[in-house]
Amino acid sequence: AKHSALADKYKSLESATKLREEQLDSSTTLESYKASYEELVTKHSTLEERCKSLERAAKRKEELEEAARGYKEQLDSSKTAYQELAAKNSILKDRWNNLRERHEELASKHLAPA
């Protein structure tokens, strides 16, 4: 009977020890899960910030592209205006040269001895 009681006590201690080891394992696992969760939360937060930053950068890029289109339109308009002015200037130069030549002809006839 004494032997049976000791065997029961040993089995009881053995199962208590096993239960405690399982609790420690699950506690360690819980701590591990908790650490993993906190790491994931941190990564998620970092990714959210990067996403917001990329969204701001994309918006800024769109704004800059819009501004660039506006500047290109202004440049094209300026080029067209410059070409029109250059054409008018050429016409005026031709007229000026014709008037100068005509003036020289008239002056030479006027100053020529009769």
PDB file of N, CA and C in Angstrom:
ATOM      1  N   ALA A   1       0.828  -1.203   0.000  1.00  0.00           N
ATOM      2  CA  ALA A   1       0.000   0.000   0.000  1.00  0.00           C
ATOM      3  C   ALA A   1       0.856   1.243   0.000  1.00  0.00           C
ATOM      4  N   LYS A   2       1.953   1.156   0.807  1.00  0.00           N
ATOM      5  CA  LYS A   2       2.851   2.292   0.857  1.00  0.00           C
ATOM      6  C   LYS A   2       3.461   2.527  -0.517  1.00  0.00           C
ATOM      7  N   HIS A   3       3.821   1.440  -1.153  1.00  0.00           N
ATOM      8  CA  HIS A   3       4.426   1.528  -2.482  1.00  0.00           C
ATOM      9  C   HIS A   3       3.445   2.135  -3.478  1.00  0.00           C
ATOM     10  N   SER A   4       2.180   1.753  -3.403  1.00  0.00           N
ATOM     11  CA  SER A   4       1.136   2.251  -4.287  1.00  0.00           C
ATOM     12  C   SER A   4       0.918   3.742  -4.062  1.00  0.00           C
ATOM     13  N   ALA A   5       0.949   4.170  -2.815  1.00  0.00           N
ATOM     14  CA  ALA A   5       0.766   5.595  -2.502  1.00  0.00           C
ATOM     15  C   ALA A   5       1.927   6.405  -3.052  1.00  0.00           C
ATOM     16  N   LEU A   6       3.150   5.876  -2.931  1.00  0.00           N
ATOM     17  CA  LEU A   6       4.317   6.565  -3.480  1.00  0.00           C
ATOM     18  C   LEU A   6       4.242   6.638  -5.003  1.00  0.00           C
ATOM     19  N   ALA A   7       3.795   5.559  -5.602  1.00  0.00           N
ATOM     20  CA  ALA A   7       3.670   5.541  -7.055  1.00  0.00           C
ATOM     21  C   ALA A   7       2.635   6.562  -7.503  1.00  0.00           C
ATOM     22  N   ASP A   8       1.528   6.645  -6.778  1.00  0.00           N
ATOM     23  CA  ASP A   8       0.485   7.631  -7.110  1.00  0.00           C
ATOM     24  C   ASP A   8       1.030   9.056  -6.954  1.00  0.00           C
ATOM     25  N   LYS A   9       1.769   9.253  -5.833  1.00  0.00           N
ATOM     26  CA  LYS A   9       2.339  10.575  -5.584  1.00  0.00           C
ATOM     27  C   LYS A   9       3.332  10.934  -6.688  1.00  0.00           C
ATOM     28  N   TYR A  10       4.142   9.966  -7.114  1.00  0.00           N
ATOM     29  CA  TYR A  10       5.127  10.186  -8.173  1.00  0.00           C
ATOM     30  C   TYR A  10       4.417  10.554  -9.477  1.00  0.00           C
ATOM     31  N   LYS A  11       3.363   9.801  -9.801  1.00  0.00           N
ATOM     32  CA  LYS A  11       2.591  10.086 -11.023  1.00  0.00           C
ATOM     33  C   LYS A  11       1.940  11.466 -10.941  1.00  0.00           C
ATOM     34  N   SER A  12       1.456  11.813  -9.772  1.00  0.00           N
ATOM     35  CA  SER A  12       0.826  13.108  -9.570  1.00  0.00           C
ATOM     36  C   SER A  12       1.852  14.224  -9.777  1.00  0.00           C
ATOM     37  N   LEU A  13       3.052  14.040  -9.188  1.00  0.00           N
ATOM     38  CA  LEU A  13       4.128  15.027  -9.373  1.00  0.00           C
ATOM     39  C   LEU A  13       4.555  15.099 -10.836  1.00  0.00           C
ATOM     40  N   GLU A  14       4.652  13.929 -11.457  1.00  0.00           N
ATOM     41  CA  GLU A  14       5.057  13.876 -12.860  1.00  0.00           C
ATOM     42  C   GLU A  14       4.053  14.616 -13.737  1.00  0.00           C
ATOM     43  N   SER A  15       2.748  14.408 -13.518  1.00  0.00           N
ATOM     44  CA  SER A  15       1.754  15.083 -14.339  1.00  0.00           C
ATOM     45  C   SER A  15       1.713  16.575 -14.012  1.00  0.00           C
ATOM     46  N   ALA A  16       1.943  16.943 -12.733  1.00  0.00           N
ATOM     47  CA  ALA A  16       2.001  18.367 -12.366  1.00  0.00           C
ATOM     48  C   ALA A  16       3.192  19.028 -13.038  1.00  0.00           C
ATOM     49  N   THR A  17       4.341  18.327 -13.044  1.00  0.00           N
ATOM     50  CA  THR A  17       5.537  18.857 -13.701  1.00  0.00           C
ATOM     51  C   THR A  17       5.296  19.028 -15.202  1.00  0.00           C
ATOM     52  N   LYS A  18       4.658  18.020 -15.806  1.00  0.00           N
ATOM     53  CA  LYS A  18       4.369  18.084 -17.238  1.00  0.00           C
ATOM     54  C   LYS A  18       3.422  19.255 -17.542  1.00  0.00           C
ATOM     55  N   LEU A  19       2.402  19.415 -16.691  1.00  0.00           N
ATOM     56  CA  LEU A  19       1.445  20.509 -16.852  1.00  0.00           C
ATOM     57  C   LEU A  19       2.166  21.851 -16.747  1.00  0.00           C
ATOM     58  N   ARG A  20       3.070  21.957 -15.766  1.00  0.00           N
ATOM     59  CA  ARG A  20       3.821  23.207 -15.567  1.00  0.00           C
ATOM     60  C   ARG A  20       4.712  23.489 -16.779  1.00  0.00           C
ATOM     61  N   GLU A  21       5.348  22.440 -17.301  1.00  0.00           N
ATOM     62  CA  GLU A  21       6.183  22.617 -18.500  1.00  0.00           C
ATOM     63  C   GLU A  21       5.340  23.100 -19.670  1.00  0.00           C
ATOM     64  N   GLU A  22       4.136  22.530 -19.818  1.00  0.00           N
ATOM     65  CA  GLU A  22       3.236  22.962 -20.890  1.00  0.00           C
ATOM     66  C   GLU A  22       2.830  24.421 -20.693  1.00  0.00           C
ATOM     67  N   GLN A  23       2.570  24.796 -19.420  1.00  0.00           N
ATOM     68  CA  GLN A  23       2.208  26.180 -19.131  1.00  0.00           C
ATOM     69  C   GLN A  23       3.374  27.112 -19.477  1.00  0.00           C
ATOM     70  N   LEU A  24       4.583  26.686 -19.119  1.00  0.00           N
ATOM     71  CA  LEU A  24       5.763  27.497 -19.439  1.00  0.00           C
ATOM     72  C   LEU A  24       5.933  27.623 -20.955  1.00  0.00           C
ATOM     73  N   ASP A  25       5.727  26.471 -21.636  1.00  0.00           N
ATOM     74  CA  ASP A  25       5.812  26.507 -23.098  1.00  0.00           C
ATOM     75  C   ASP A  25       4.779  27.465 -23.685  1.00  0.00           C
ATOM     76  N   SER A  26       3.543  27.361 -23.187  1.00  0.00           N
ATOM     77  CA  SER A  26       2.495  28.225 -23.723  1.00  0.00           C
ATOM     78  C   SER A  26       2.757  29.678 -23.323  1.00  0.00           C
ATOM     79  N   SER A  27       3.337  29.890 -22.141  1.00  0.00           N
ATOM     80  CA  SER A  27       3.688  31.243 -21.716  1.00  0.00           C
ATOM     81  C   SER A  27       4.774  31.808 -22.625  1.00  0.00           C
ATOM     82  N   THR A  28       5.767  30.969 -22.899  1.00  0.00           N
ATOM     83  CA  THR A  28       6.833  31.379 -23.807  1.00  0.00           C
ATOM     84  C   THR A  28       6.258  31.644 -25.190  1.00  0.00           C
ATOM     85  N   THR A  29       5.371  30.754 -25.627  1.00  0.00           N
ATOM     86  CA  THR A  29       4.724  30.925 -26.928  1.00  0.00           C
ATOM     87  C   THR A  29       3.903  32.208 -26.945  1.00  0.00           C
ATOM     88  N   LEU A  30       3.196  32.472 -25.847  1.00  0.00           N
ATOM     89  CA  LEU A  30       2.397  33.690 -25.751  1.00  0.00           C
ATOM     90  C   LEU A  30       3.297  34.918 -25.837  1.00  0.00           C
ATOM     91  N   GLU A  31       4.416  34.882 -25.109  1.00  0.00           N
ATOM     92  CA  GLU A  31       5.368  36.005 -25.174  1.00  0.00           C
ATOM     93  C   GLU A  31       5.921  36.159 -26.587  1.00  0.00           C
ATOM     94  N   SER A  32       6.194  35.023 -27.202  1.00  0.00           N
ATOM     95  CA  SER A  32       6.691  35.041 -28.573  1.00  0.00           C
ATOM     96  C   SER A  32       5.643  35.637 -29.514  1.00  0.00           C
ATOM     97  N   TYR A  33       4.380  35.216 -29.359  1.00  0.00           N
ATOM     98  CA  TYR A  33       3.298  35.764 -30.180  1.00  0.00           C
ATOM     99  C   TYR A  33       3.127  37.257 -29.929  1.00  0.00           C
ATOM    100  N   LYS A  34       3.238  37.624 -28.659  1.00  0.00           N
ATOM    101  CA  LYS A  34       3.083  39.031 -28.299  1.00  0.00           C
ATOM    102  C   LYS A  34       4.189  39.866 -28.957  1.00  0.00           C
ATOM    103  N   ALA A  35       5.417  39.371 -28.901  1.00  0.00           N
ATOM    104  CA  ALA A  35       6.544  40.074 -29.526  1.00  0.00           C
ATOM    105  C   ALA A  35       6.350  40.150 -31.036  1.00  0.00           C
ATOM    106  N   SER A  36       5.904  39.046 -31.624  1.00  0.00           N
ATOM    107  CA  SER A  36       5.652  39.035 -33.072  1.00  0.00           C
ATOM    108  C   SER A  36       4.558  40.019 -33.441  1.00  0.00           C
ATOM    109  N   TYR A  37       3.505  40.057 -32.615  1.00  0.00           N
ATOM    110  CA  TYR A  37       2.392  40.978 -32.858  1.00  0.00           C
ATOM    111  C   TYR A  37       2.870  42.428 -32.786  1.00  0.00           C
ATOM    112  N   GLU A  38       3.657  42.741 -31.759  1.00  0.00           N
ATOM    113  CA  GLU A  38       4.168  44.105 -31.614  1.00  0.00           C
ATOM    114  C   GLU A  38       5.069  44.474 -32.789  1.00  0.00           C
ATOM    115  N   GLU A  39       5.853  43.519 -33.237  1.00  0.00           N
ATOM    116  CA  GLU A  39       6.713  43.746 -34.402  1.00  0.00           C
ATOM    117  C   GLU A  39       5.862  44.007 -35.647  1.00  0.00           C
ATOM    118  N   LEU A  40       4.782  43.222 -35.801  1.00  0.00           N
ATOM    119  CA  LEU A  40       3.879  43.428 -36.935  1.00  0.00           C
ATOM    120  C   LEU A  40       3.176  44.779 -36.862  1.00  0.00           C
ATOM    121  N   VAL A  41       2.770  45.181 -35.668  1.00  0.00           N
ATOM    122  CA  VAL A  41       2.130  46.490 -35.487  1.00  0.00           C
ATOM    123  C   VAL A  41       3.108  47.596 -35.891  1.00  0.00           C
ATOM    124  N   THR A  42       4.353  47.465 -35.466  1.00  0.00           N
ATOM    125  CA  THR A  42       5.382  48.446 -35.816  1.00  0.00           C
ATOM    126  C   THR A  42       5.598  48.479 -37.330  1.00  0.00           C
ATOM    127  N   LYS A  43       5.710  47.304 -37.937  1.00  0.00           N
ATOM    128  CA  LYS A  43       5.894  47.239 -39.388  1.00  0.00           C
ATOM    129  C   LYS A  43       4.696  47.840 -40.110  1.00  0.00           C
ATOM    130  N   HIS A  44       3.493  47.536 -39.618  1.00  0.00           N
ATOM    131  CA  HIS A  44       2.275  48.067 -40.220  1.00  0.00           C
ATOM    132  C   HIS A  44       2.283  49.597 -40.152  1.00  0.00           C
ATOM    133  N   SER A  45       2.640  50.119 -39.004  1.00  0.00           N
ATOM    134  CA  SER A  45       2.691  51.566 -38.817  1.00  0.00           C
ATOM    135  C   SER A  45       3.715  52.187 -39.771  1.00  0.00           C
ATOM    136  N   THR A  46       4.871  51.542 -39.862  1.00  0.00           N
ATOM    137  CA  THR A  46       5.917  52.027 -40.773  1.00  0.00           C
ATOM    138  C   THR A  46       5.428  52.001 -42.214  1.00  0.00           C
ATOM    139  N   LEU A  47       4.765  50.915 -42.596  1.00  0.00           N
ATOM    140  CA  LEU A  47       4.246  50.809 -43.962  1.00  0.00           C
ATOM    141  C   LEU A  47       3.163  51.847 -44.229  1.00  0.00           C
ATOM    142  N   GLU A  48       2.322  52.116 -43.232  1.00  0.00           N
ATOM    143  CA  GLU A  48       1.294  53.158 -43.388  1.00  0.00           C
ATOM    144  C   GLU A  48       1.944  54.508 -43.632  1.00  0.00           C
ATOM    145  N   GLU A  49       2.988  54.817 -42.873  1.00  0.00           N
ATOM    146  CA  GLU A  49       3.691  56.088 -43.042  1.00  0.00           C
ATOM    147  C   GLU A  49       4.335  56.170 -44.426  1.00  0.00           C
ATOM    148  N   ARG A  50       4.961  55.078 -44.855  1.00  0.00           N
ATOM    149  CA  ARG A  50       5.580  55.057 -46.186  1.00  0.00           C
ATOM    150  C   ARG A  50       4.525  55.221 -47.263  1.00  0.00           C
ATOM    151  N   CYS A  51       3.373  54.585 -47.059  1.00  0.00           N
ATOM    152  CA  CYS A  51       2.270  54.691 -48.016  1.00  0.00           C
ATOM    153  C   CYS A  51       1.791  56.145 -48.106  1.00  0.00           C
ATOM    154  N   LYS A  52       1.603  56.776 -46.950  1.00  0.00           N
ATOM    155  CA  LYS A  52       1.178  58.180 -46.936  1.00  0.00           C
ATOM    156  C   LYS A  52       2.221  59.058 -47.621  1.00  0.00           C
ATOM    157  N   SER A  53       3.480  58.768 -47.348  1.00  0.00           N
ATOM    158  CA  SER A  53       4.562  59.538 -47.964  1.00  0.00           C
ATOM    159  C   SER A  53       4.543  59.363 -49.483  1.00  0.00           C
ATOM    160  N   LEU A  54       4.333  58.125 -49.924  1.00  0.00           N
ATOM    161  CA  LEU A  54       4.257  57.866 -51.367  1.00  0.00           C
ATOM    162  C   LEU A  54       3.043  58.541 -51.990  1.00  0.00           C
ATOM    163  N   GLU A  55       1.921  58.558 -51.260  1.00  0.00           N
ATOM    164  CA  GLU A  55       0.724  59.241 -51.766  1.00  0.00           C
ATOM    165  C   GLU A  55       0.992  60.731 -51.914  1.00  0.00           C
ATOM    166  N   ARG A  56       1.675  61.317 -50.913  1.00  0.00           N
ATOM    167  CA  ARG A  56       2.016  62.746 -51.002  1.00  0.00           C
ATOM    168  C   ARG A  56       2.960  62.989 -52.174  1.00  0.00           C
ATOM    169  N   ALA A  57       3.925  62.095 -52.345  1.00  0.00           N
ATOM    170  CA  ALA A  57       4.881  62.239 -53.450  1.00  0.00           C
ATOM    171  C   ALA A  57       4.162  62.114 -54.794  1.00  0.00           C
ATOM    172  N   ALA A  58       3.211  61.190 -54.892  1.00  0.00           N
ATOM    173  CA  ALA A  58       2.462  61.013 -56.142  1.00  0.00           C
ATOM    174  C   ALA A  58       1.624  62.257 -56.430  1.00  0.00           C
ATOM    175  N   LYS A  59       1.018  62.814 -55.384  1.00  0.00           N
ATOM    176  CA  LYS A  59       0.221  64.034 -55.560  1.00  0.00           C
ATOM    177  C   LYS A  59       1.120  65.181 -56.014  1.00  0.00           C
ATOM    178  N   ARG A  60       2.280  65.299 -55.373  1.00  0.00           N
ATOM    179  CA  ARG A  60       3.236  66.361 -55.744  1.00  0.00           C
ATOM    180  C   ARG A  60       3.704  66.163 -57.181  1.00  0.00           C
ATOM    181  N   LYS A  61       3.927  64.912 -57.567  1.00  0.00           N
ATOM    182  CA  LYS A  61       4.351  64.617 -58.940  1.00  0.00           C
ATOM    183  C   LYS A  61       3.282  65.077 -59.916  1.00  0.00           C
ATOM    184  N   GLU A  62       2.018  64.783 -59.601  1.00  0.00           N
ATOM    185  CA  GLU A  62       0.918  65.218 -60.470  1.00  0.00           C
ATOM    186  C   GLU A  62       0.879  66.738 -60.570  1.00  0.00           C
ATOM    187  N   GLU A  63       1.067  67.407 -59.425  1.00  0.00           N
ATOM    188  CA  GLU A  63       1.074  68.873 -59.430  1.00  0.00           C
ATOM    189  C   GLU A  63       2.208  69.409 -60.301  1.00  0.00           C
ATOM    190  N   LEU A  64       3.381  68.794 -60.156  1.00  0.00           N
ATOM    191  CA  LEU A  64       4.533  69.234 -60.951  1.00  0.00           C
ATOM    192  C   LEU A  64       4.324  68.965 -62.436  1.00  0.00           C
ATOM    193  N   GLU A  65       3.725  67.811 -62.754  1.00  0.00           N
ATOM    194  CA  GLU A  65       3.445  67.510 -64.161  1.00  0.00           C
ATOM    195  C   GLU A  65       2.450  68.509 -64.735  1.00  0.00           C
ATOM    196  N   GLU A  66       1.439  68.871 -63.934  1.00  0.00           N
ATOM    197  CA  GLU A  66       0.455  69.866 -64.372  1.00  0.00           C
ATOM    198  C   GLU A  66       1.131  71.215 -64.615  1.00  0.00           C
ATOM    199  N   ALA A  67       2.004  71.603 -63.681  1.00  0.00           N
ATOM    200  CA  ALA A  67       2.746  72.854 -63.845  1.00  0.00           C
ATOM    201  C   ALA A  67       3.631  72.790 -65.088  1.00  0.00           C
ATOM    202  N   ALA A  68       4.272  71.642 -65.302  1.00  0.00           N
ATOM    203  CA  ALA A  68       5.137  71.484 -66.476  1.00  0.00           C
ATOM    204  C   ALA A  68       4.326  71.616 -67.760  1.00  0.00           C
ATOM    205  N   ARG A  69       3.109  71.043 -67.773  1.00  0.00           N
ATOM    206  CA  ARG A  69       2.251  71.187 -68.954  1.00  0.00           C
ATOM    207  C   ARG A  69       1.910  72.657 -69.189  1.00  0.00           C
ATOM    208  N   GLY A  70       1.611  73.375 -68.098  1.00  0.00           N
ATOM    209  CA  GLY A  70       1.313  74.802 -68.206  1.00  0.00           C
ATOM    210  C   GLY A  70       2.500  75.573 -68.761  1.00  0.00           C
ATOM    211  N   TYR A  71       3.697  75.257 -68.243  1.00  0.00           N
ATOM    212  CA  TYR A  71       4.898  75.939 -68.726  1.00  0.00           C
ATOM    213  C   TYR A  71       5.170  75.601 -70.187  1.00  0.00           C
ATOM    214  N   LYS A  72       4.922  74.362 -70.569  1.00  0.00           N
ATOM    215  CA  LYS A  72       5.137  73.964 -71.961  1.00  0.00           C
ATOM    216  C   LYS A  72       4.169  74.719 -72.870  1.00  0.00           C
ATOM    217  N   GLU A  73       2.917  74.843 -72.434  1.00  0.00           N
ATOM    218  CA  GLU A  73       1.949  75.604 -73.220  1.00  0.00           C
ATOM    219  C   GLU A  73       2.407  77.057 -73.367  1.00  0.00           C
ATOM    220  N   GLN A  74       2.893  77.632 -72.263  1.00  0.00           N
ATOM    221  CA  GLN A  74       3.396  79.011 -72.323  1.00  0.00           C
ATOM    222  C   GLN A  74       4.597  79.106 -73.253  1.00  0.00           C
ATOM    223  N   LEU A  75       5.482  78.124 -73.166  1.00  0.00           N
ATOM    224  CA  LEU A  75       6.664  78.119 -74.030  1.00  0.00           C
ATOM    225  C   LEU A  75       6.256  78.015 -75.496  1.00  0.00           C
ATOM    226  N   ASP A  76       5.323  77.092 -75.792  1.00  0.00           N
ATOM    227  CA  ASP A  76       4.847  76.950 -77.172  1.00  0.00           C
ATOM    228  C   ASP A  76       4.214  78.247 -77.655  1.00  0.00           C
ATOM    229  N   SER A  77       3.421  78.868 -76.798  1.00  0.00           N
ATOM    230  CA  SER A  77       2.779  80.137 -77.138  1.00  0.00           C
ATOM    231  C   SER A  77       3.832  81.214 -77.390  1.00  0.00           C
ATOM    232  N   SER A  78       4.856  81.257 -76.536  1.00  0.00           N
ATOM    233  CA  SER A  78       5.936  82.231 -76.701  1.00  0.00           C
ATOM    234  C   SER A  78       6.706  81.988 -77.993  1.00  0.00           C
ATOM    235  N   LYS A  79       6.950  80.711 -78.305  1.00  0.00           N
ATOM    236  CA  LYS A  79       7.652  80.386 -79.555  1.00  0.00           C
ATOM    237  C   LYS A  79       6.847  80.862 -80.751  1.00  0.00           C
ATOM    238  N   THR A  80       5.537  80.607 -80.708  1.00  0.00           N
ATOM    239  CA  THR A  80       4.665  81.030 -81.799  1.00  0.00           C
ATOM    240  C   THR A  80       4.686  82.552 -81.922  1.00  0.00           C
ATOM    241  N   ALA A  81       4.564  83.240 -80.793  1.00  0.00           N
ATOM    242  CA  ALA A  81       4.591  84.706 -80.808  1.00  0.00           C
ATOM    243  C   ALA A  81       5.938  85.203 -81.329  1.00  0.00           C
ATOM    244  N   TYR A  82       7.028  84.563 -80.922  1.00  0.00           N
ATOM    245  CA  TYR A  82       8.355  84.950 -81.396  1.00  0.00           C
ATOM    246  C   TYR A  82       8.461  84.760 -82.905  1.00  0.00           C
ATOM    247  N   GLN A  83       7.976  83.620 -83.401  1.00  0.00           N
ATOM    248  CA  GLN A  83       8.026  83.363 -84.840  1.00  0.00           C
ATOM    249  C   GLN A  83       7.213  84.401 -85.608  1.00  0.00           C
ATOM    250  N   GLU A  84       6.031  84.780 -85.070  1.00  0.00           N
ATOM    251  CA  GLU A  84       5.210  85.802 -85.714  1.00  0.00           C
ATOM    252  C   GLU A  84       5.943  87.137 -85.729  1.00  0.00           C
ATOM    253  N   LEU A  85       6.573  87.492 -84.603  1.00  0.00           N
ATOM    254  CA  LEU A  85       7.332  88.741 -84.542  1.00  0.00           C
ATOM    255  C   LEU A  85       8.532  88.712 -85.471  1.00  0.00           C
ATOM    256  N   ALA A  86       9.194  87.571 -85.547  1.00  0.00           N
ATOM    257  CA  ALA A  86      10.347  87.447 -86.446  1.00  0.00           C
ATOM    258  C   ALA A  86       9.905  87.630 -87.896  1.00  0.00           C
ATOM    259  N   ALA A  87       8.749  87.058 -88.258  1.00  0.00           N
ATOM    260  CA  ALA A  87       8.229  87.209 -89.624  1.00  0.00           C
ATOM    261  C   ALA A  87       7.893  88.679 -89.892  1.00  0.00           C
ATOM    262  N   LYS A  88       7.214  89.339 -88.940  1.00  0.00           N
ATOM    263  CA  LYS A  88       6.885  90.761 -89.104  1.00  0.00           C
ATOM    264  C   LYS A  88       8.152  91.596 -89.188  1.00  0.00           C
ATOM    265  N   ASN A  89       9.142  91.269 -88.362  1.00  0.00           N
ATOM    266  CA  ASN A  89      10.419  91.992 -88.377  1.00  0.00           C
ATOM    267  C   ASN A  89      11.090  91.861 -89.735  1.00  0.00           C
ATOM    268  N   SER A  90      11.036  90.666 -90.302  1.00  0.00           N
ATOM    269  CA  SER A  90      11.642  90.434 -91.620  1.00  0.00           C
ATOM    270  C   SER A  90      10.951  91.291 -92.681  1.00  0.00           C
ATOM    271  N   ILE A  91       9.620  91.325 -92.608  1.00  0.00           N
ATOM    272  CA  ILE A  91       8.849  92.152 -93.560  1.00  0.00           C
ATOM    273  C   ILE A  91       9.230  93.626 -93.396  1.00  0.00           C
ATOM    274  N   LEU A  92       9.314  94.089 -92.135  1.00  0.00           N
ATOM    275  CA  LEU A  92       9.679  95.480 -91.878  1.00  0.00           C
ATOM    276  C   LEU A  92      11.095  95.796 -92.358  1.00  0.00           C
ATOM    277  N   LYS A  93      12.017  94.849 -92.182  1.00  0.00           N
ATOM    278  CA  LYS A  93      13.384  95.045 -92.670  1.00  0.00           C
ATOM    279  C   LYS A  93      13.397  95.178 -94.184  1.00  0.00           C
ATOM    280  N   ASP A  94      12.619  94.309 -94.857  1.00  0.00           N
ATOM    281  CA  ASP A  94      12.534  94.386 -96.319  1.00  0.00           C
ATOM    282  C   ASP A  94      11.972  95.736 -96.744  1.00  0.00           C
ATOM    283  N   ARG A  95      10.908  96.174 -96.088  1.00  0.00           N
ATOM    284  CA  ARG A  95      10.318  97.481 -96.413  1.00  0.00           C
ATOM    285  C   ARG A  95      11.321  98.608 -96.172  1.00  0.00           C
ATOM    286  N   TRP A  96      12.013  98.511 -95.037  1.00  0.00           N
ATOM    287  CA  TRP A  96      13.017  99.528 -94.712  1.00  0.00           C
ATOM    288  C   TRP A  96      14.098  99.568 -95.783  1.00  0.00           C
ATOM    289  N   ASN A  97      14.589  98.397 -96.172  1.00  0.00           N
ATOM    290  CA  ASN A  97      15.629  98.350 -97.206  1.00  0.00           C
ATOM    291  C   ASN A  97      15.103  98.915 -98.531  1.00  0.00           C
ATOM    292  N   ASN A  98      13.845  98.569 -98.885  1.00  0.00           N
ATOM    293  CA  ASN A  98      13.256  99.105-100.118  1.00  0.00           C
ATOM    294  C   ASN A  98      13.145 100.628-100.044  1.00  0.00           C
ATOM    295  N   LEU A  99      12.701 101.148 -98.884  1.00  0.00           N
ATOM    296  CA  LEU A  99      12.580 102.599 -98.719  1.00  0.00           C
ATOM    297  C   LEU A  99      13.957 103.272 -98.786  1.00  0.00           C
ATOM    298  N   ARG A 100      14.933 102.647 -98.163  1.00  0.00           N
ATOM    299  CA  ARG A 100      16.290 103.216 -98.193  1.00  0.00           C
ATOM    300  C   ARG A 100      16.824 103.255 -99.629  1.00  0.00           C
ATOM    301  N   GLU A 101      16.644 102.139-100.346  1.00  0.00           N
ATOM    302  CA  GLU A 101      17.097 102.091-101.738  1.00  0.00           C
ATOM    303  C   GLU A 101      16.375 103.140-102.580  1.00  0.00           C
ATOM    304  N   ARG A 102      15.062 103.264-102.364  1.00  0.00           N
ATOM    305  CA  ARG A 102      14.261 104.246-103.115  1.00  0.00           C
ATOM    306  C   ARG A 102      14.725 105.670-102.782  1.00  0.00           C
ATOM    307  N   HIS A 103      15.012 105.894-101.471  1.00  0.00           N
ATOM    308  CA  HIS A 103      15.505 107.203-101.051  1.00  0.00           C
ATOM    309  C   HIS A 103      16.837 107.516-101.726  1.00  0.00           C
ATOM    310  N   GLU A 104      17.722 106.502-101.778  1.00  0.00           N
ATOM    311  CA  GLU A 104      19.031 106.717-102.424  1.00  0.00           C
ATOM    312  C   GLU A 104      18.856 107.009-103.907  1.00  0.00           C
ATOM    313  N   GLU A 105      17.928 106.300-104.556  1.00  0.00           N
ATOM    314  CA  GLU A 105      17.666 106.560-105.981  1.00  0.00           C
ATOM    315  C   GLU A 105      17.190 107.996-106.185  1.00  0.00           C
ATOM    316  N   LEU A 106      16.214 108.387-105.364  1.00  0.00           N
ATOM    317  CA  LEU A 106      15.658 109.733-105.495  1.00  0.00           C
ATOM    318  C   LEU A 106      16.717 110.792-105.180  1.00  0.00           C
ATOM    319  N   ALA A 107      17.534 110.527-104.168  1.00  0.00           N
ATOM    320  CA  ALA A 107      18.571 111.493-103.794  1.00  0.00           C
ATOM    321  C   ALA A 107      19.591 111.599-104.912  1.00  0.00           C
ATOM    322  N   SER A 108      19.948 110.479-105.533  1.00  0.00           N
ATOM    323  CA  SER A 108      20.943 110.545-106.596  1.00  0.00           C
ATOM    324  C   SER A 108      20.394 111.283-107.815  1.00  0.00           C
ATOM    325  N   LYS A 109      19.097 111.092-108.105  1.00  0.00           N
ATOM    326  CA  LYS A 109      18.476 111.811-109.223  1.00  0.00           C
ATOM    327  C   LYS A 109      18.381 113.294-108.908  1.00  0.00           C
ATOM    328  N   HIS A 110      18.070 113.596-107.651  1.00  0.00           N
ATOM    329  CA  HIS A 110      17.889 114.982-107.234  1.00  0.00           C
ATOM    330  C   HIS A 110      19.211 115.719-107.242  1.00  0.00           C
ATOM    331  N   LEU A 111      20.267 115.012-106.805  1.00  0.00           N
ATOM    332  CA  LEU A 111      21.587 115.643-106.733  1.00  0.00           C
ATOM    333  C   LEU A 111      22.351 115.571-108.038  1.00  0.00           C
ATOM    334  N   ALA A 112      21.890 114.755-108.960  1.00  0.00           N
ATOM    335  CA  ALA A 112      22.604 114.606-110.239  1.00  0.00           C
ATOM    336  C   ALA A 112      22.533 115.896-111.028  1.00  0.00           C
ATOM    337  N   PRO A 113      23.633 116.286-111.664  1.00  0.00           N
ATOM    338  CA  PRO A 113      23.602 117.518-112.490  1.00  0.00           C
ATOM    339  C   PRO A 113      22.668 117.344-113.676  1.00  0.00           C
ATOM    340  N   ALA A 114      21.938 118.367-113.955  1.00  0.00           N
ATOM    341  CA  ALA A 114      20.973 118.310-115.017  1.00  0.00           C
ATOM    342  C   ALA A 114      21.591 118.485-116.356  1.00  0.00           C
TER     343      ALA A 114
END
